[in-house]
Every structure is written in structure tokens, then in C-alpha cells.
Amino acid sequence: MAVQRPDLPLDVLVHKLDGDLFQRTDQRMDQQGAVQQVVQQAMAEAGVMDPVVAFHQTSVYNHSVFEAVSRIV
């Protein structure tokens, strides 16, 4: 049974994309894409149709966590 899109959006913080493994922008984008696929697949398996999902890359080395949280709130 399919579920209608929830009224509340889902925000995903993709954290720690600033380490040695993700020095290039394309590596960070590839990793975020992998996370997006997993989330979208999980939502589809749960029967959620057309979910509103926003992804935010964050780091402990700058203010990106605070910026992402302020966008969410």
C-alpha cells in the first residue's frame, strides 16, 4: 500500500564529508549521491510516494552544521 507524501519534509545531514577520503568535490558529491539512493530506496520500500527530502553536507571543521540546522529550522 502506497503512502501519500508526508506533510513534513525530511532533512538529512550528510556528516564528515571533509576527511582524507573526500578531498575532492566530486568524491563528496558521489558519496552524497550514494546516501540519497539509500534514503530514496528505504522510502520507496516503506511505501512513501514522492517524499520531500533535502540533503545537507556538514563538517566539524567549519560552520556548515550550524548553517544546515538554521536552514532546517
C-alpha atoms as a PDB file:
ATOM      1  CA  MET A   1       0.000   0.000   0.000  1.00  0.00           C
ATOM      2  CA  ALA A   2       1.462   3.364  -1.039  1.00  0.00           C
ATOM      3  CA  VAL A   3       1.507   6.241   1.409  1.00  0.00           C
ATOM      4  CA  GLN A   4       0.952   9.821   0.302  1.00  0.00           C
ATOM      5  CA  ARG A   5       3.813  12.278   0.628  1.00  0.00           C
ATOM      6  CA  PRO A   6       4.183  13.371   4.244  1.00  0.00           C
ATOM      7  CA  ASP A   7       3.372  16.977   5.115  1.00  0.00           C
ATOM      8  CA  LEU A   8       6.682  17.330   6.940  1.00  0.00           C
ATOM      9  CA  PRO A   9       9.873  17.375   4.881  1.00  0.00           C
ATOM     10  CA  LEU A  10      12.796  15.119   5.742  1.00  0.00           C
ATOM     11  CA  ASP A  11      16.232  16.717   6.144  1.00  0.00           C
ATOM     12  CA  VAL A  12      19.324  14.501   6.043  1.00  0.00           C
ATOM     13  CA  LEU A  13      22.669  15.794   7.322  1.00  0.00           C
ATOM     14  CA  VAL A  14      25.474  14.006   5.482  1.00  0.00           C
ATOM     15  CA  HIS A  15      28.245  14.460   8.028  1.00  0.00           C
ATOM     16  CA  LYS A  16      32.032  14.076   7.876  1.00  0.00           C
ATOM     17  CA  LEU A  17      32.476  14.546   4.129  1.00  0.00           C
ATOM     18  CA  ASP A  18      35.572  16.611   4.801  1.00  0.00           C
ATOM     19  CA  GLY A  19      38.075  13.912   5.744  1.00  0.00           C
ATOM     20  CA  ASP A  20      41.010  12.490   3.828  1.00  0.00           C
ATOM     21  CA  LEU A  21      38.709  10.167   1.859  1.00  0.00           C
ATOM     22  CA  PHE A  22      36.743  13.072   0.357  1.00  0.00           C
ATOM     23  CA  GLN A  23      39.313  15.703  -0.590  1.00  0.00           C
ATOM     24  CA  ARG A  24      37.791  16.426  -3.996  1.00  0.00           C
ATOM     25  CA  THR A  25      34.335  17.882  -4.583  1.00  0.00           C
ATOM     26  CA  ASP A  26      33.361  15.065  -6.953  1.00  0.00           C
ATOM     27  CA  GLN A  27      34.155  12.489  -4.252  1.00  0.00           C
ATOM     28  CA  ARG A  28      31.882  14.301  -1.795  1.00  0.00           C
ATOM     29  CA  MET A  29      29.105  14.539  -4.381  1.00  0.00           C
ATOM     30  CA  ASP A  30      29.442  10.837  -5.223  1.00  0.00           C
ATOM     31  CA  GLN A  31      29.144   9.930  -1.544  1.00  0.00           C
ATOM     32  CA  GLN A  32      26.121  12.191  -1.092  1.00  0.00           C
ATOM     33  CA  GLY A  33      24.558  10.555  -4.162  1.00  0.00           C
ATOM     34  CA  ALA A  34      25.060   7.128  -2.569  1.00  0.00           C
ATOM     35  CA  VAL A  35      23.351   8.333   0.619  1.00  0.00           C
ATOM     36  CA  GLN A  36      20.492   9.784  -1.434  1.00  0.00           C
ATOM     37  CA  GLN A  37      19.965   6.447  -3.188  1.00  0.00           C
ATOM     38  CA  VAL A  38      19.822   4.569   0.118  1.00  0.00           C
ATOM     39  CA  VAL A  39      17.331   7.032   1.600  1.00  0.00           C
ATOM     40  CA  GLN A  40      15.154   7.040  -1.512  1.00  0.00           C
ATOM     41  CA  GLN A  41      15.179   3.244  -1.664  1.00  0.00           C
ATOM     42  CA  ALA A  42      14.219   2.998   2.011  1.00  0.00           C
ATOM     43  CA  MET A  43      11.383   5.470   1.497  1.00  0.00           C
ATOM     44  CA  ALA A  44      10.143   3.530  -1.546  1.00  0.00           C
ATOM     45  CA  GLU A  45      10.269   0.242   0.380  1.00  0.00           C
ATOM     46  CA  ALA A  46       8.264   1.911   3.164  1.00  0.00           C
ATOM     47  CA  GLY A  47       5.677   2.888   0.577  1.00  0.00           C
ATOM     48  CA  VAL A  48       6.231   6.639   0.794  1.00  0.00           C
ATOM     49  CA  MET A  49       5.493   8.193  -2.589  1.00  0.00           C
ATOM     50  CA  ASP A  50       7.275  11.397  -3.669  1.00  0.00           C
ATOM     51  CA  PRO A  51       8.916  12.256  -0.352  1.00  0.00           C
ATOM     52  CA  VAL A  52      10.303  15.753   0.170  1.00  0.00           C
ATOM     53  CA  VAL A  53      13.925  15.128   1.184  1.00  0.00           C
ATOM     54  CA  ALA A  54      16.711  17.714   1.476  1.00  0.00           C
ATOM     55  CA  PHE A  55      20.355  16.708   1.899  1.00  0.00           C
ATOM     56  CA  HIS A  56      22.971  18.918   3.585  1.00  0.00           C
ATOM     57  CA  GLN A  57      26.732  18.280   3.627  1.00  0.00           C
ATOM     58  CA  THR A  58      28.209  19.098   7.017  1.00  0.00           C
ATOM     59  CA  SER A  59      31.609  19.187   8.684  1.00  0.00           C
ATOM     60  CA  VAL A  60      33.067  19.584  12.158  1.00  0.00           C
ATOM     61  CA  TYR A  61      35.773  21.874  10.791  1.00  0.00           C
ATOM     62  CA  ASN A  62      33.532  24.759   9.760  1.00  0.00           C
ATOM     63  CA  HIS A  63      30.091  26.235  10.429  1.00  0.00           C
ATOM     64  CA  SER A  64      28.250  24.002   7.942  1.00  0.00           C
ATOM     65  CA  VAL A  65      26.436  22.101  10.726  1.00  0.00           C
ATOM     66  CA  PHE A  66      25.075  25.336  12.160  1.00  0.00           C
ATOM     67  CA  GLU A  67      24.142  26.622   8.703  1.00  0.00           C
ATOM     68  CA  ALA A  68      22.318  23.386   7.848  1.00  0.00           C
ATOM     69  CA  VAL A  69      20.416  23.377  11.133  1.00  0.00           C
ATOM     70  CA  SER A  70      19.433  27.027  10.666  1.00  0.00           C
ATOM     71  CA  ARG A  71      18.069  26.185   7.191  1.00  0.00           C
ATOM     72  CA  ILE A  72      16.092  23.289   8.646  1.00  0.00           C
ATOM     73  CA  VAL A  73      14.629  25.310  11.492  1.00  0.00           C
END
